[in-house]
Amino acid sequence: MIISTKKGTPKEELEKIVDKFEKQGLDVTLITGKDYNVFGLVGDTTKIDERDVLANPWIDNVTRVSAPYKRANRLFHPADSVIDCGGVKIGSKEKIAVMAGPCSIENAEQALRIAQGVKAGGAALFRGGAYKPRTSPYAFQGLETEGILDMVKAREATGLPIVSELMSEDRIPEFEEYVDVVQIGARNMQNFQLLKAVGKMHKPVLLKRGLCNTIEEWIMSAEYIMAGGNEQVIFCERGIRTFEKYTRNTLDLSAVPIIHEKTHLPIVVDPSHATGKANLVEPMMIAAVAAGADGLEVEVHYDPQHAWSDGAQCLTPDAFAQAMAKCRQVAWAIGREM
């Protein structure tokens, strides 16, 4: 349920309203704007009669929310959220932020070389995998802590905040200490215990859409994180599994305006995992910018043929820089910067 108060409602009256609903066992979120105050009520609101609420002279409107997600809902939070990722702001009218780097961190030299390359091409954050969820148990699983520390060295040299995937709760202290943006991969989108744990973290979370999940299920996963207290959530559309076999996945760009319509949270698009083919990454980067994405996540490697994982979908630093130049033109056309 959403309750809005009239312009100029005194602070003491707002406090009385909050106290009233908290005594009824409801979780109350107060969102204050320049000309409005909105209360979001979470819990069993069936016992509340709208007429009783409207009897308060300071109450302007009462709306019941049918969607199962509350904290992520734009009705609860009309203004766009802007997430601070190690000094890089993502969302609303901020610059379109690009996260780029290798699928897997292979060693400190490789991490630094690629970080320098993507920074030169215009990336604002350095992404890399240290813990790798692989389909085969025999495939390279990542350097783990060593890989995270290699990324930290790259950050020290380039100034780029780092993004890396968290796979288990036991690694949370390590990620709290070293990582700027915690990525929850597609396979863990509905790992609810992990989502609850991440909800207690103090770092922004990049939440990837599951391989076969609906948009509502995806938003509900964000709701798990936000319900735990961490409201720094960024969605990442990385393609969904369909009957099409030509591409690795099918990139659902309609998710970008839908997420902006339904929620107040930013959304990033990953064209690398969506297509699985390097020659398709650039056009999908351009399309994602045109669709209104708040950021991109792109895999880059200076020697894709010898990359330890997913080389087929990696751009070279030069190809990345060329794609970024084209994206900037599209961003300019729609009134954004990057």
C-alpha atoms as a PDB file:
ATOM      1  CA  MET A   1       0.000   0.000   0.000  1.00  0.00           C
ATOM      2  CA  ILE A   2       1.172   3.508  -0.831  1.00  0.00           C
ATOM      3  CA  ILE A   3       0.043   6.587   1.051  1.00  0.00           C
ATOM      4  CA  SER A   4       0.867  10.110  -0.064  1.00  0.00           C
ATOM      5  CA  THR A   5       0.474  13.170   2.133  1.00  0.00           C
ATOM      6  CA  LYS A   6      -0.429  16.714   1.198  1.00  0.00           C
ATOM      7  CA  LYS A   7       2.219  19.317   0.464  1.00  0.00           C
ATOM      8  CA  GLY A   8       3.400  21.034   3.618  1.00  0.00           C
ATOM      9  CA  THR A   9       2.522  18.219   6.032  1.00  0.00           C
ATOM     10  CA  PRO A  10       4.368  18.984   9.312  1.00  0.00           C
ATOM     11  CA  LYS A  11       7.155  16.647  10.399  1.00  0.00           C
ATOM     12  CA  GLU A  12       5.333  15.758  13.632  1.00  0.00           C
ATOM     13  CA  GLU A  13       2.289  14.644  11.622  1.00  0.00           C
ATOM     14  CA  LEU A  14       4.492  12.437   9.422  1.00  0.00           C
ATOM     15  CA  GLU A  15       5.962  10.858  12.563  1.00  0.00           C
ATOM     16  CA  LYS A  16       2.464  10.189  13.916  1.00  0.00           C
ATOM     17  CA  ILE A  17       1.494   8.437  10.676  1.00  0.00           C
ATOM     18  CA  VAL A  18       4.619   6.254  10.763  1.00  0.00           C
ATOM     19  CA  ASP A  19       4.045   5.379  14.416  1.00  0.00           C
ATOM     20  CA  LYS A  20       0.420   4.449  13.764  1.00  0.00           C
ATOM     21  CA  PHE A  21       1.235   1.920  11.061  1.00  0.00           C
ATOM     22  CA  GLU A  22       4.301   0.493  12.801  1.00  0.00           C
ATOM     23  CA  LYS A  23       2.089  -0.285  15.809  1.00  0.00           C
ATOM     24  CA  GLN A  24      -0.033  -2.369  13.431  1.00  0.00           C
ATOM     25  CA  GLY A  25       3.000  -4.515  12.628  1.00  0.00           C
ATOM     26  CA  LEU A  26       3.743  -2.970   9.241  1.00  0.00           C
ATOM     27  CA  ASP A  27       7.136  -2.040   7.835  1.00  0.00           C
ATOM     28  CA  VAL A  28       6.950   1.640   6.885  1.00  0.00           C
ATOM     29  CA  THR A  29       9.262   3.350   4.387  1.00  0.00           C
ATOM     30  CA  LEU A  30       9.020   7.131   4.137  1.00  0.00           C
ATOM     31  CA  ILE A  31      10.197   8.688   0.877  1.00  0.00           C
ATOM     32  CA  THR A  32      10.513  12.453   1.022  1.00  0.00           C
ATOM     33  CA  GLY A  33      10.664  14.604  -2.123  1.00  0.00           C
ATOM     34  CA  LYS A  34      10.688  18.315  -2.751  1.00  0.00           C
ATOM     35  CA  ASP A  35       6.916  18.581  -2.991  1.00  0.00           C
ATOM     36  CA  TYR A  36       5.710  15.219  -1.680  1.00  0.00           C
ATOM     37  CA  ASN A  37       5.934  12.602   1.044  1.00  0.00           C
ATOM     38  CA  VAL A  38       5.128   8.992   0.207  1.00  0.00           C
ATOM     39  CA  PHE A  39       4.734   6.116   2.673  1.00  0.00           C
ATOM     40  CA  GLY A  40       5.290   2.569   1.485  1.00  0.00           C
ATOM     41  CA  LEU A  41       3.619  -0.023   3.715  1.00  0.00           C
ATOM     42  CA  VAL A  42       4.858  -3.598   3.567  1.00  0.00           C
ATOM     43  CA  GLY A  43       3.076  -6.388   5.402  1.00  0.00           C
ATOM     44  CA  ASP A  44      -0.517  -7.492   5.837  1.00  0.00           C
ATOM     45  CA  THR A  45      -2.389  -4.391   4.683  1.00  0.00           C
ATOM     46  CA  THR A  46      -5.702  -6.216   4.168  1.00  0.00           C
ATOM     47  CA  LYS A  47      -6.807  -5.101   7.635  1.00  0.00           C
ATOM     48  CA  ILE A  48      -6.423  -1.417   6.707  1.00  0.00           C
ATOM     49  CA  ASP A  49      -9.519   0.440   5.496  1.00  0.00           C
ATOM     50  CA  GLU A  50      -8.623   3.176   3.014  1.00  0.00           C
ATOM     51  CA  ARG A  51     -11.510   5.319   4.292  1.00  0.00           C
ATOM     52  CA  ASP A  52     -10.035   5.358   7.789  1.00  0.00           C
ATOM     53  CA  VAL A  53      -6.668   6.420   6.402  1.00  0.00           C
ATOM     54  CA  LEU A  54      -8.200   9.193   4.262  1.00  0.00           C
ATOM     55  CA  ALA A  55      -9.992  10.521   7.332  1.00  0.00           C
ATOM     56  CA  ASN A  56      -6.649  12.028   8.357  1.00  0.00           C
ATOM     57  CA  PRO A  57      -6.713  15.593   6.947  1.00  0.00           C
ATOM     58  CA  TRP A  58      -3.022  15.379   6.005  1.00  0.00           C
ATOM     59  CA  ILE A  59      -3.485  12.294   3.786  1.00  0.00           C
ATOM     60  CA  ASP A  60      -3.863  13.014   0.067  1.00  0.00           C
ATOM     61  CA  ASN A  61      -4.159   9.583  -1.537  1.00  0.00           C
ATOM     62  CA  VAL A  62      -4.132   5.843  -0.773  1.00  0.00           C
ATOM     63  CA  THR A  63      -3.215   3.215  -3.384  1.00  0.00           C
ATOM     64  CA  ARG A  64      -3.123  -0.549  -3.009  1.00  0.00           C
ATOM     65  CA  VAL A  65      -0.234  -2.170  -4.876  1.00  0.00           C
ATOM     66  CA  SER A  66      -1.086  -5.411  -6.643  1.00  0.00           C
ATOM     67  CA  ALA A  67       2.506  -6.212  -7.650  1.00  0.00           C
ATOM     68  CA  PRO A  68       4.250  -8.609  -5.221  1.00  0.00           C
ATOM     69  CA  TYR A  69       7.390  -6.452  -5.110  1.00  0.00           C
ATOM     70  CA  LYS A  70       7.299  -3.364  -2.920  1.00  0.00           C
ATOM     71  CA  ARG A  71      10.713  -1.826  -2.237  1.00  0.00           C
ATOM     72  CA  ALA A  72      11.752  -2.091  -5.885  1.00  0.00           C
ATOM     73  CA  ASN A  73       8.411  -0.753  -7.093  1.00  0.00           C
ATOM     74  CA  ARG A  74       8.448   2.677  -8.733  1.00  0.00           C
ATOM     75  CA  LEU A  75       5.144   3.462  -7.009  1.00  0.00           C
ATOM     76  CA  PHE A  76       7.003   3.275  -3.693  1.00  0.00           C
ATOM     77  CA  HIS A  77       9.902   5.344  -4.988  1.00  0.00           C
ATOM     78  CA  PRO A  78       8.895   7.629  -7.908  1.00  0.00           C
ATOM     79  CA  ALA A  79      12.380   9.074  -8.462  1.00  0.00           C
ATOM     80  CA  ASP A  80      15.114   7.074 -10.212  1.00  0.00           C
ATOM     81  CA  SER A  81      17.665   5.531  -7.868  1.00  0.00           C
ATOM     82  CA  VAL A  82      21.309   6.320  -8.537  1.00  0.00           C
ATOM     83  CA  ILE A  83      23.773   3.707  -7.291  1.00  0.00           C
ATOM     84  CA  ASP A  84      27.296   4.755  -6.296  1.00  0.00           C
ATOM     85  CA  CYS A  85      29.715   2.061  -7.444  1.00  0.00           C
ATOM     86  CA  GLY A  86      33.089   2.963  -6.013  1.00  0.00           C
ATOM     87  CA  GLY A  87      32.667   6.560  -7.126  1.00  0.00           C
ATOM     88  CA  VAL A  88      30.962   5.758 -10.449  1.00  0.00           C
ATOM     89  CA  LYS A  89      27.271   6.654 -10.368  1.00  0.00           C
ATOM     90  CA  ILE A  90      24.824   4.488 -12.293  1.00  0.00           C
ATOM     91  CA  GLY A  91      21.191   5.320 -13.001  1.00  0.00           C
ATOM     92  CA  SER A  92      18.815   8.154 -13.873  1.00  0.00           C
ATOM     93  CA  LYS A  93      20.523  10.770 -16.061  1.00  0.00           C
ATOM     94  CA  GLU A  94      24.072   9.876 -15.038  1.00  0.00           C
ATOM     95  CA  LYS A  95      26.592   8.905 -17.697  1.00  0.00           C
ATOM     96  CA  ILE A  96      26.030   5.469 -19.205  1.00  0.00           C
ATOM     97  CA  ALA A  97      28.568   3.392 -17.278  1.00  0.00           C
ATOM     98  CA  VAL A  98      30.483   0.601 -18.976  1.00  0.00           C
ATOM     99  CA  MET A  99      31.968  -2.364 -17.119  1.00  0.00           C
ATOM    100  CA  ALA A 100      34.555  -4.199 -19.198  1.00  0.00           C
ATOM    101  CA  GLY A 101      37.196  -6.847 -18.739  1.00  0.00           C
ATOM    102  CA  PRO A 102      37.941 -10.555 -19.160  1.00  0.00           C
ATOM    103  CA  CYS A 103      35.582 -13.399 -18.422  1.00  0.00           C
ATOM    104  CA  SER A 104      38.289 -14.928 -16.217  1.00  0.00           C
ATOM    105  CA  ILE A 105      41.228 -13.358 -14.430  1.00  0.00           C
ATOM    106  CA  GLU A 106      44.269 -15.395 -15.485  1.00  0.00           C
ATOM    107  CA  ASN A 107      47.121 -13.593 -13.721  1.00  0.00           C
ATOM    108  CA  ALA A 108      48.080 -10.148 -12.431  1.00  0.00           C
ATOM    109  CA  GLU A 109      49.751  -9.092 -15.677  1.00  0.00           C
ATOM    110  CA  GLN A 110      46.738 -10.040 -17.781  1.00  0.00           C
ATOM    111  CA  ALA A 111      44.346  -8.239 -15.420  1.00  0.00           C
ATOM    112  CA  LEU A 112      46.393  -5.038 -15.467  1.00  0.00           C
ATOM    113  CA  ARG A 113      46.902  -5.065 -19.234  1.00  0.00           C
ATOM    114  CA  ILE A 114      43.193  -5.482 -19.933  1.00  0.00           C
ATOM    115  CA  ALA A 115      42.199  -2.940 -17.275  1.00  0.00           C
ATOM    116  CA  GLN A 116      44.468  -0.379 -18.900  1.00  0.00           C
ATOM    117  CA  GLY A 117      43.064  -1.243 -22.320  1.00  0.00           C
ATOM    118  CA  VAL A 118      39.397  -0.917 -21.361  1.00  0.00           C
ATOM    119  CA  LYS A 119      40.047   2.309 -19.460  1.00  0.00           C
ATOM    120  CA  ALA A 120      41.645   3.764 -22.597  1.00  0.00           C
ATOM    121  CA  GLY A 121      38.537   2.700 -24.520  1.00  0.00           C
ATOM    122  CA  GLY A 122      36.194   4.477 -22.127  1.00  0.00           C
ATOM    123  CA  ALA A 123      35.205   1.892 -19.509  1.00  0.00           C
ATOM    124  CA  ALA A 124      34.330   3.239 -16.070  1.00  0.00           C
ATOM    125  CA  LEU A 125      34.619  -0.075 -14.197  1.00  0.00           C
ATOM    126  CA  PHE A 126      36.780  -3.197 -14.522  1.00  0.00           C
ATOM    127  CA  ARG A 127      34.934  -6.520 -14.546  1.00  0.00           C
ATOM    128  CA  GLY A 128      36.558  -9.913 -14.137  1.00  0.00           C
ATOM    129  CA  GLY A 129      35.772 -13.403 -12.904  1.00  0.00           C
ATOM    130  CA  ALA A 130      37.705 -14.942 -10.026  1.00  0.00           C
ATOM    131  CA  TYR A 131      35.040 -17.470  -9.020  1.00  0.00           C
ATOM    132  CA  LYS A 132      33.597 -19.104 -12.116  1.00  0.00           C
ATOM    133  CA  PRO A 133      30.301 -21.036 -12.251  1.00  0.00           C
ATOM    134  CA  ARG A 134      30.972 -23.422 -15.139  1.00  0.00           C
ATOM    135  CA  THR A 135      28.626 -25.939 -16.713  1.00  0.00           C
ATOM    136  CA  SER A 136      31.345 -28.594 -16.651  1.00  0.00           C
ATOM    137  CA  PRO A 137      33.069 -29.538 -13.368  1.00  0.00           C
ATOM    138  CA  TYR A 138      36.257 -30.073 -15.404  1.00  0.00           C
ATOM    139  CA  ALA A 139      36.358 -26.528 -16.809  1.00  0.00           C
ATOM    140  CA  PHE A 140      38.516 -23.786 -15.277  1.00  0.00           C
ATOM    141  CA  GLN A 141      36.813 -22.605 -12.091  1.00  0.00           C
ATOM    142  CA  GLY A 142      38.747 -19.387 -11.525  1.00  0.00           C
ATOM    143  CA  LEU A 143      41.754 -18.255  -9.476  1.00  0.00           C
ATOM    144  CA  GLU A 144      39.500 -17.424  -6.501  1.00  0.00           C
ATOM    145  CA  THR A 145      41.173 -15.157  -3.922  1.00  0.00           C
ATOM    146  CA  GLU A 146      44.292 -14.818  -6.047  1.00  0.00           C
ATOM    147  CA  GLY A 147      42.139 -13.507  -8.891  1.00  0.00           C
ATOM    148  CA  ILE A 148      40.411 -10.980  -6.639  1.00  0.00           C
ATOM    149  CA  LEU A 149      43.779  -9.683  -5.445  1.00  0.00           C
ATOM    150  CA  ASP A 150      44.969  -9.419  -9.055  1.00  0.00           C
ATOM    151  CA  MET A 151      41.945  -7.207  -9.733  1.00  0.00           C
ATOM    152  CA  VAL A 152      42.752  -5.096  -6.682  1.00  0.00           C
ATOM    153  CA  LYS A 153      46.223  -4.469  -8.115  1.00  0.00           C
ATOM    154  CA  ALA A 154      44.653  -3.430 -11.408  1.00  0.00           C
ATOM    155  CA  ARG A 155      42.339  -1.041  -9.562  1.00  0.00           C
ATOM    156  CA  GLU A 156      45.306   0.503  -7.745  1.00  0.00           C
ATOM    157  CA  ALA A 157      47.049   1.109 -11.066  1.00  0.00           C
ATOM    158  CA  THR A 158      44.055   2.368 -13.078  1.00  0.00           C
ATOM    159  CA  GLY A 159      41.591   3.742 -10.542  1.00  0.00           C
ATOM    160  CA  LEU A 160      38.776   1.625 -12.012  1.00  0.00           C
ATOM    161  CA  PRO A 161      36.324   0.164  -9.448  1.00  0.00           C
ATOM    162  CA  ILE A 162      36.081  -3.625  -9.756  1.00  0.00           C
ATOM    163  CA  VAL A 163      33.086  -5.882 -10.436  1.00  0.00           C
ATOM    164  CA  SER A 164      33.235  -9.612  -9.744  1.00  0.00           C
ATOM    165  CA  GLU A 165      30.839 -12.499  -9.184  1.00  0.00           C
ATOM    166  CA  LEU A 166      30.050 -13.858  -5.725  1.00  0.00           C
ATOM    167  CA  MET A 167      29.010 -17.512  -5.644  1.00  0.00           C
ATOM    168  CA  SER A 168      28.773 -18.409  -1.961  1.00  0.00           C
ATOM    169  CA  GLU A 169      28.102 -16.841   1.433  1.00  0.00           C
ATOM    170  CA  ASP A 170      31.477 -17.855   2.866  1.00  0.00           C
ATOM    171  CA  ARG A 171      33.243 -15.432   0.499  1.00  0.00           C
ATOM    172  CA  ILE A 172      31.235 -12.389   1.589  1.00  0.00           C
ATOM    173  CA  PRO A 173      33.916 -11.011   3.966  1.00  0.00           C
ATOM    174  CA  GLU A 174      36.445 -11.135   1.106  1.00  0.00           C
ATOM    175  CA  PHE A 175      34.086  -9.301  -1.240  1.00  0.00           C
ATOM    176  CA  GLU A 176      33.193  -6.718   1.392  1.00  0.00           C
ATOM    177  CA  GLU A 177      36.884  -5.937   1.765  1.00  0.00           C
ATOM    178  CA  TYR A 178      38.067  -5.953  -1.840  1.00  0.00           C
ATOM    179  CA  VAL A 179      35.233  -5.725  -4.395  1.00  0.00           C
ATOM    180  CA  ASP A 180      33.351  -2.539  -5.334  1.00  0.00           C
ATOM    181  CA  VAL A 181      30.330  -4.132  -7.046  1.00  0.00           C
ATOM    182  CA  VAL A 182      29.146  -7.645  -6.160  1.00  0.00           C
ATOM    183  CA  GLN A 183      27.746  -9.556  -9.115  1.00  0.00           C
ATOM    184  CA  ILE A 184      25.115 -12.255  -8.618  1.00  0.00           C
ATOM    185  CA  GLY A 185      25.200 -14.469 -11.684  1.00  0.00           C
ATOM    186  CA  ALA A 186      22.300 -15.834 -13.706  1.00  0.00           C
ATOM    187  CA  ARG A 187      22.542 -19.284 -12.111  1.00  0.00           C
ATOM    188  CA  ASN A 188      22.242 -17.785  -8.627  1.00  0.00           C
ATOM    189  CA  MET A 189      19.430 -15.347  -9.370  1.00  0.00           C
ATOM    190  CA  GLN A 190      17.056 -17.482  -7.304  1.00  0.00           C
ATOM    191  CA  ASN A 191      19.555 -18.724  -4.731  1.00  0.00           C
ATOM    192  CA  PHE A 192      17.462 -17.165  -1.990  1.00  0.00           C
ATOM    193  CA  GLN A 193      19.842 -17.878   0.880  1.00  0.00           C
ATOM    194  CA  LEU A 194      22.605 -16.103  -1.020  1.00  0.00           C
ATOM    195  CA  LEU A 195      20.275 -13.204  -1.859  1.00  0.00           C
ATOM    196  CA  LYS A 196      19.355 -12.823   1.816  1.00  0.00           C
ATOM    197  CA  ALA A 197      23.039 -12.778   2.764  1.00  0.00           C
ATOM    198  CA  VAL A 198      23.848 -10.222   0.072  1.00  0.00           C
ATOM    199  CA  GLY A 199      20.984  -8.141   1.445  1.00  0.00           C
ATOM    200  CA  LYS A 200      23.074  -7.604   4.562  1.00  0.00           C
ATOM    201  CA  MET A 201      26.135  -6.447   2.628  1.00  0.00           C
ATOM    202  CA  HIS A 202      27.184  -2.816   2.230  1.00  0.00           C
ATOM    203  CA  LYS A 203      28.197  -3.013  -1.436  1.00  0.00           C
ATOM    204  CA  PRO A 204      26.184  -2.431  -4.622  1.00  0.00           C
ATOM    205  CA  VAL A 205      24.815  -5.603  -6.194  1.00  0.00           C
ATOM    206  CA  LEU A 206      24.672  -6.319  -9.930  1.00  0.00           C
ATOM    207  CA  LEU A 207      21.829  -8.826 -10.265  1.00  0.00           C
ATOM    208  CA  LYS A 208      21.836 -10.809 -13.486  1.00  0.00           C
ATOM    209  CA  ARG A 209      18.629 -12.180 -14.918  1.00  0.00           C
ATOM    210  CA  GLY A 210      18.282 -15.963 -14.756  1.00  0.00           C
ATOM    211  CA  LEU A 211      18.493 -18.043 -17.906  1.00  0.00           C
ATOM    212  CA  CYS A 212      14.767 -18.841 -17.958  1.00  0.00           C
ATOM    213  CA  ASN A 213      13.251 -16.336 -15.575  1.00  0.00           C
ATOM    214  CA  THR A 214      10.442 -13.848 -16.099  1.00  0.00           C
ATOM    215  CA  ILE A 215      10.939 -10.161 -15.421  1.00  0.00           C
ATOM    216  CA  GLU A 216       8.705 -10.357 -12.353  1.00  0.00           C
ATOM    217  CA  GLU A 217      10.755 -13.229 -10.896  1.00  0.00           C
ATOM    218  CA  TRP A 218      13.893 -11.175 -11.530  1.00  0.00           C
ATOM    219  CA  ILE A 219      12.434  -8.153  -9.732  1.00  0.00           C
ATOM    220  CA  MET A 220      11.381 -10.396  -6.842  1.00  0.00           C
ATOM    221  CA  SER A 221      15.003 -11.497  -6.477  1.00  0.00           C
ATOM    222  CA  ALA A 222      15.967  -7.828  -6.189  1.00  0.00           C
ATOM    223  CA  GLU A 223      13.220  -7.523  -3.571  1.00  0.00           C
ATOM    224  CA  TYR A 224      14.937 -10.258  -1.506  1.00  0.00           C
ATOM    225  CA  ILE A 225      18.145  -8.223  -1.458  1.00  0.00           C
ATOM    226  CA  MET A 226      16.365  -4.964  -0.675  1.00  0.00           C
ATOM    227  CA  ALA A 227      14.254  -6.567   2.060  1.00  0.00           C
ATOM    228  CA  GLY A 228      17.517  -7.463   3.800  1.00  0.00           C
ATOM    229  CA  GLY A 229      18.461  -3.796   3.975  1.00  0.00           C
ATOM    230  CA  ASN A 230      20.684  -3.391   0.906  1.00  0.00           C
ATOM    231  CA  GLU A 231      18.870  -1.168  -1.585  1.00  0.00           C
ATOM    232  CA  GLN A 232      21.897  -0.720  -3.872  1.00  0.00           C
ATOM    233  CA  VAL A 233      20.674  -3.055  -6.610  1.00  0.00           C
ATOM    234  CA  ILE A 234      21.395  -2.824 -10.339  1.00  0.00           C
ATOM    235  CA  PHE A 235      19.669  -5.168 -12.781  1.00  0.00           C
ATOM    236  CA  CYS A 236      21.659  -6.815 -15.575  1.00  0.00           C
ATOM    237  CA  GLU A 237      19.906  -8.224 -18.644  1.00  0.00           C
ATOM    238  CA  ARG A 238      22.176 -10.938 -20.104  1.00  0.00           C
ATOM    239  CA  GLY A 239      19.824 -12.781 -22.416  1.00  0.00           C
ATOM    240  CA  ILE A 240      17.376 -15.602 -21.814  1.00  0.00           C
ATOM    241  CA  ARG A 241      17.262 -19.140 -23.140  1.00  0.00           C
ATOM    242  CA  THR A 242      14.904 -19.706 -26.067  1.00  0.00           C
ATOM    243  CA  PHE A 243      14.600 -22.178 -28.961  1.00  0.00           C
ATOM    244  CA  GLU A 244      17.118 -20.111 -30.992  1.00  0.00           C
ATOM    245  CA  LYS A 245      20.479 -21.871 -31.381  1.00  0.00           C
ATOM    246  CA  TYR A 246      22.408 -19.363 -33.480  1.00  0.00           C
ATOM    247  CA  THR A 247      23.160 -17.182 -30.453  1.00  0.00           C
ATOM    248  CA  ARG A 248      24.166 -18.270 -26.966  1.00  0.00           C
ATOM    249  CA  ASN A 249      21.009 -16.655 -25.558  1.00  0.00           C
ATOM    250  CA  THR A 250      18.325 -14.276 -26.812  1.00  0.00           C
ATOM    251  CA  LEU A 251      18.864 -10.688 -25.712  1.00  0.00           C
ATOM    252  CA  ASP A 252      15.600  -9.268 -24.352  1.00  0.00           C
ATOM    253  CA  LEU A 253      16.079  -5.524 -24.826  1.00  0.00           C
ATOM    254  CA  SER A 254      12.428  -4.897 -24.010  1.00  0.00           C
ATOM    255  CA  ALA A 255      13.459  -5.574 -20.403  1.00  0.00           C
ATOM    256  CA  VAL A 256      15.209  -2.176 -20.315  1.00  0.00           C
ATOM    257  CA  PRO A 257      12.104   0.050 -20.625  1.00  0.00           C
ATOM    258  CA  ILE A 258      10.042  -2.441 -18.608  1.00  0.00           C
ATOM    259  CA  ILE A 259      12.468  -2.306 -15.661  1.00  0.00           C
ATOM    260  CA  HIS A 260      12.466   1.484 -15.869  1.00  0.00           C
ATOM    261  CA  GLU A 261       8.658   1.495 -15.903  1.00  0.00           C
ATOM    262  CA  LYS A 262       8.119  -1.002 -13.091  1.00  0.00           C
ATOM    263  CA  THR A 263      11.038  -0.117 -10.800  1.00  0.00           C
ATOM    264  CA  HIS A 264      13.219   2.820  -9.798  1.00  0.00           C
ATOM    265  CA  LEU A 265      16.450   0.819 -10.131  1.00  0.00           C
ATOM    266  CA  PRO A 266      19.083   1.062 -12.896  1.00  0.00           C
ATOM    267  CA  ILE A 267      19.582  -1.604 -15.540  1.00  0.00           C
ATOM    268  CA  VAL A 268      22.758  -2.687 -17.330  1.00  0.00           C
ATOM    269  CA  VAL A 269      22.913  -4.873 -20.454  1.00  0.00           C
ATOM    270  CA  ASP A 270      25.471  -7.650 -21.071  1.00  0.00           C
ATOM    271  CA  PRO A 271      25.659  -8.257 -24.848  1.00  0.00           C
ATOM    272  CA  SER A 272      28.602 -10.654 -24.495  1.00  0.00           C
ATOM    273  CA  HIS A 273      26.772 -13.446 -22.685  1.00  0.00           C
ATOM    274  CA  ALA A 274      23.569 -12.632 -24.535  1.00  0.00           C
ATOM    275  CA  THR A 275      25.000 -13.337 -27.976  1.00  0.00           C
ATOM    276  CA  GLY A 276      28.080 -15.483 -27.317  1.00  0.00           C
ATOM    277  CA  LYS A 277      29.671 -14.141 -30.494  1.00  0.00           C
ATOM    278  CA  ALA A 278      32.150 -11.276 -30.680  1.00  0.00           C
ATOM    279  CA  ASN A 279      30.803 -10.002 -34.024  1.00  0.00           C
ATOM    280  CA  LEU A 280      27.358  -9.478 -32.467  1.00  0.00           C
ATOM    281  CA  VAL A 281      28.549  -7.651 -29.355  1.00  0.00           C
ATOM    282  CA  GLU A 282      29.037  -4.221 -30.949  1.00  0.00           C
ATOM    283  CA  PRO A 283      25.580  -3.987 -32.591  1.00  0.00           C
ATOM    284  CA  MET A 284      23.934  -5.139 -29.367  1.00  0.00           C
ATOM    285  CA  MET A 285      25.921  -2.569 -27.365  1.00  0.00           C
ATOM    286  CA  ILE A 286      24.564   0.104 -29.686  1.00  0.00           C
ATOM    287  CA  ALA A 287      21.026  -1.278 -29.460  1.00  0.00           C
ATOM    288  CA  ALA A 288      21.177  -1.418 -25.649  1.00  0.00           C
ATOM    289  CA  VAL A 289      22.216   2.236 -25.474  1.00  0.00           C
ATOM    290  CA  ALA A 290      19.374   3.155 -27.831  1.00  0.00           C
ATOM    291  CA  ALA A 291      16.928   1.205 -25.643  1.00  0.00           C
ATOM    292  CA  GLY A 292      17.889   3.346 -22.643  1.00  0.00           C
ATOM    293  CA  ALA A 293      20.264   1.090 -20.701  1.00  0.00           C
ATOM    294  CA  ASP A 294      22.047   2.773 -17.802  1.00  0.00           C
ATOM    295  CA  GLY A 295      25.191   0.777 -18.465  1.00  0.00           C
ATOM    296  CA  LEU A 296      26.855  -2.063 -20.344  1.00  0.00           C
ATOM    297  CA  GLU A 297      28.905  -5.058 -19.243  1.00  0.00           C
ATOM    298  CA  VAL A 298      31.291  -6.223 -21.964  1.00  0.00           C
ATOM    299  CA  GLU A 299      33.913  -8.967 -22.043  1.00  0.00           C
ATOM    300  CA  VAL A 300      37.303  -7.877 -23.391  1.00  0.00           C
ATOM    301  CA  HIS A 301      40.559  -9.791 -23.873  1.00  0.00           C
ATOM    302  CA  TYR A 302      43.704  -8.837 -25.797  1.00  0.00           C
ATOM    303  CA  ASP A 303      44.051 -12.442 -27.071  1.00  0.00           C
ATOM    304  CA  PRO A 304      40.537 -13.947 -27.272  1.00  0.00           C
ATOM    305  CA  GLN A 305      41.695 -17.121 -29.025  1.00  0.00           C
ATOM    306  CA  HIS A 306      43.783 -18.051 -25.998  1.00  0.00           C
ATOM    307  CA  ALA A 307      41.449 -16.773 -23.272  1.00  0.00           C
ATOM    308  CA  TRP A 308      40.890 -19.322 -20.517  1.00  0.00           C
ATOM    309  CA  SER A 309      37.109 -18.981 -20.868  1.00  0.00           C
ATOM    310  CA  ASP A 310      34.528 -17.496 -23.270  1.00  0.00           C
ATOM    311  CA  GLY A 311      37.051 -16.200 -25.791  1.00  0.00           C
ATOM    312  CA  ALA A 312      34.500 -16.451 -28.609  1.00  0.00           C
ATOM    313  CA  GLN A 313      32.466 -13.577 -27.155  1.00  0.00           C
ATOM    314  CA  CYS A 314      35.355 -11.301 -26.154  1.00  0.00           C
ATOM    315  CA  LEU A 315      36.210  -8.085 -27.979  1.00  0.00           C
ATOM    316  CA  THR A 316      39.807  -6.977 -28.284  1.00  0.00           C
ATOM    317  CA  PRO A 317      40.640  -3.638 -26.624  1.00  0.00           C
ATOM    318  CA  ASP A 318      40.755  -1.984 -30.064  1.00  0.00           C
ATOM    319  CA  ALA A 319      37.376  -3.420 -31.085  1.00  0.00           C
ATOM    320  CA  PHE A 320      35.971  -2.334 -27.720  1.00  0.00           C
ATOM    321  CA  ALA A 321      37.190   1.235 -28.249  1.00  0.00           C
ATOM    322  CA  GLN A 322      35.615   1.324 -31.720  1.00  0.00           C
ATOM    323  CA  ALA A 323      32.296   0.043 -30.376  1.00  0.00           C
ATOM    324  CA  MET A 324      32.369   2.625 -27.594  1.00  0.00           C
ATOM    325  CA  ALA A 325      32.847   5.431 -30.129  1.00  0.00           C
ATOM    326  CA  LYS A 326      29.685   4.331 -31.965  1.00  0.00           C
ATOM    327  CA  CYS A 327      27.763   3.978 -28.709  1.00  0.00           C
ATOM    328  CA  ARG A 328      28.652   7.547 -27.755  1.00  0.00           C
ATOM    329  CA  GLN A 329      27.026   8.807 -30.950  1.00  0.00           C
ATOM    330  CA  VAL A 330      23.808   6.951 -30.125  1.00  0.00           C
ATOM    331  CA  ALA A 331      23.928   8.150 -26.514  1.00  0.00           C
ATOM    332  CA  TRP A 332      24.227  11.727 -27.745  1.00  0.00           C
ATOM    333  CA  ALA A 333      21.206  11.217 -30.014  1.00  0.00           C
ATOM    334  CA  ILE A 334      19.007  10.184 -27.059  1.00  0.00           C
ATOM    335  CA  GLY A 335      20.338  12.879 -24.718  1.00  0.00           C
ATOM    336  CA  ARG A 336      22.727  10.770 -22.661  1.00  0.00           C
ATOM    337  CA  GLU A 337      26.486  10.814 -22.097  1.00  0.00           C
ATOM    338  CA  MET A 338      28.941   7.972 -21.760  1.00  0.00           C
END
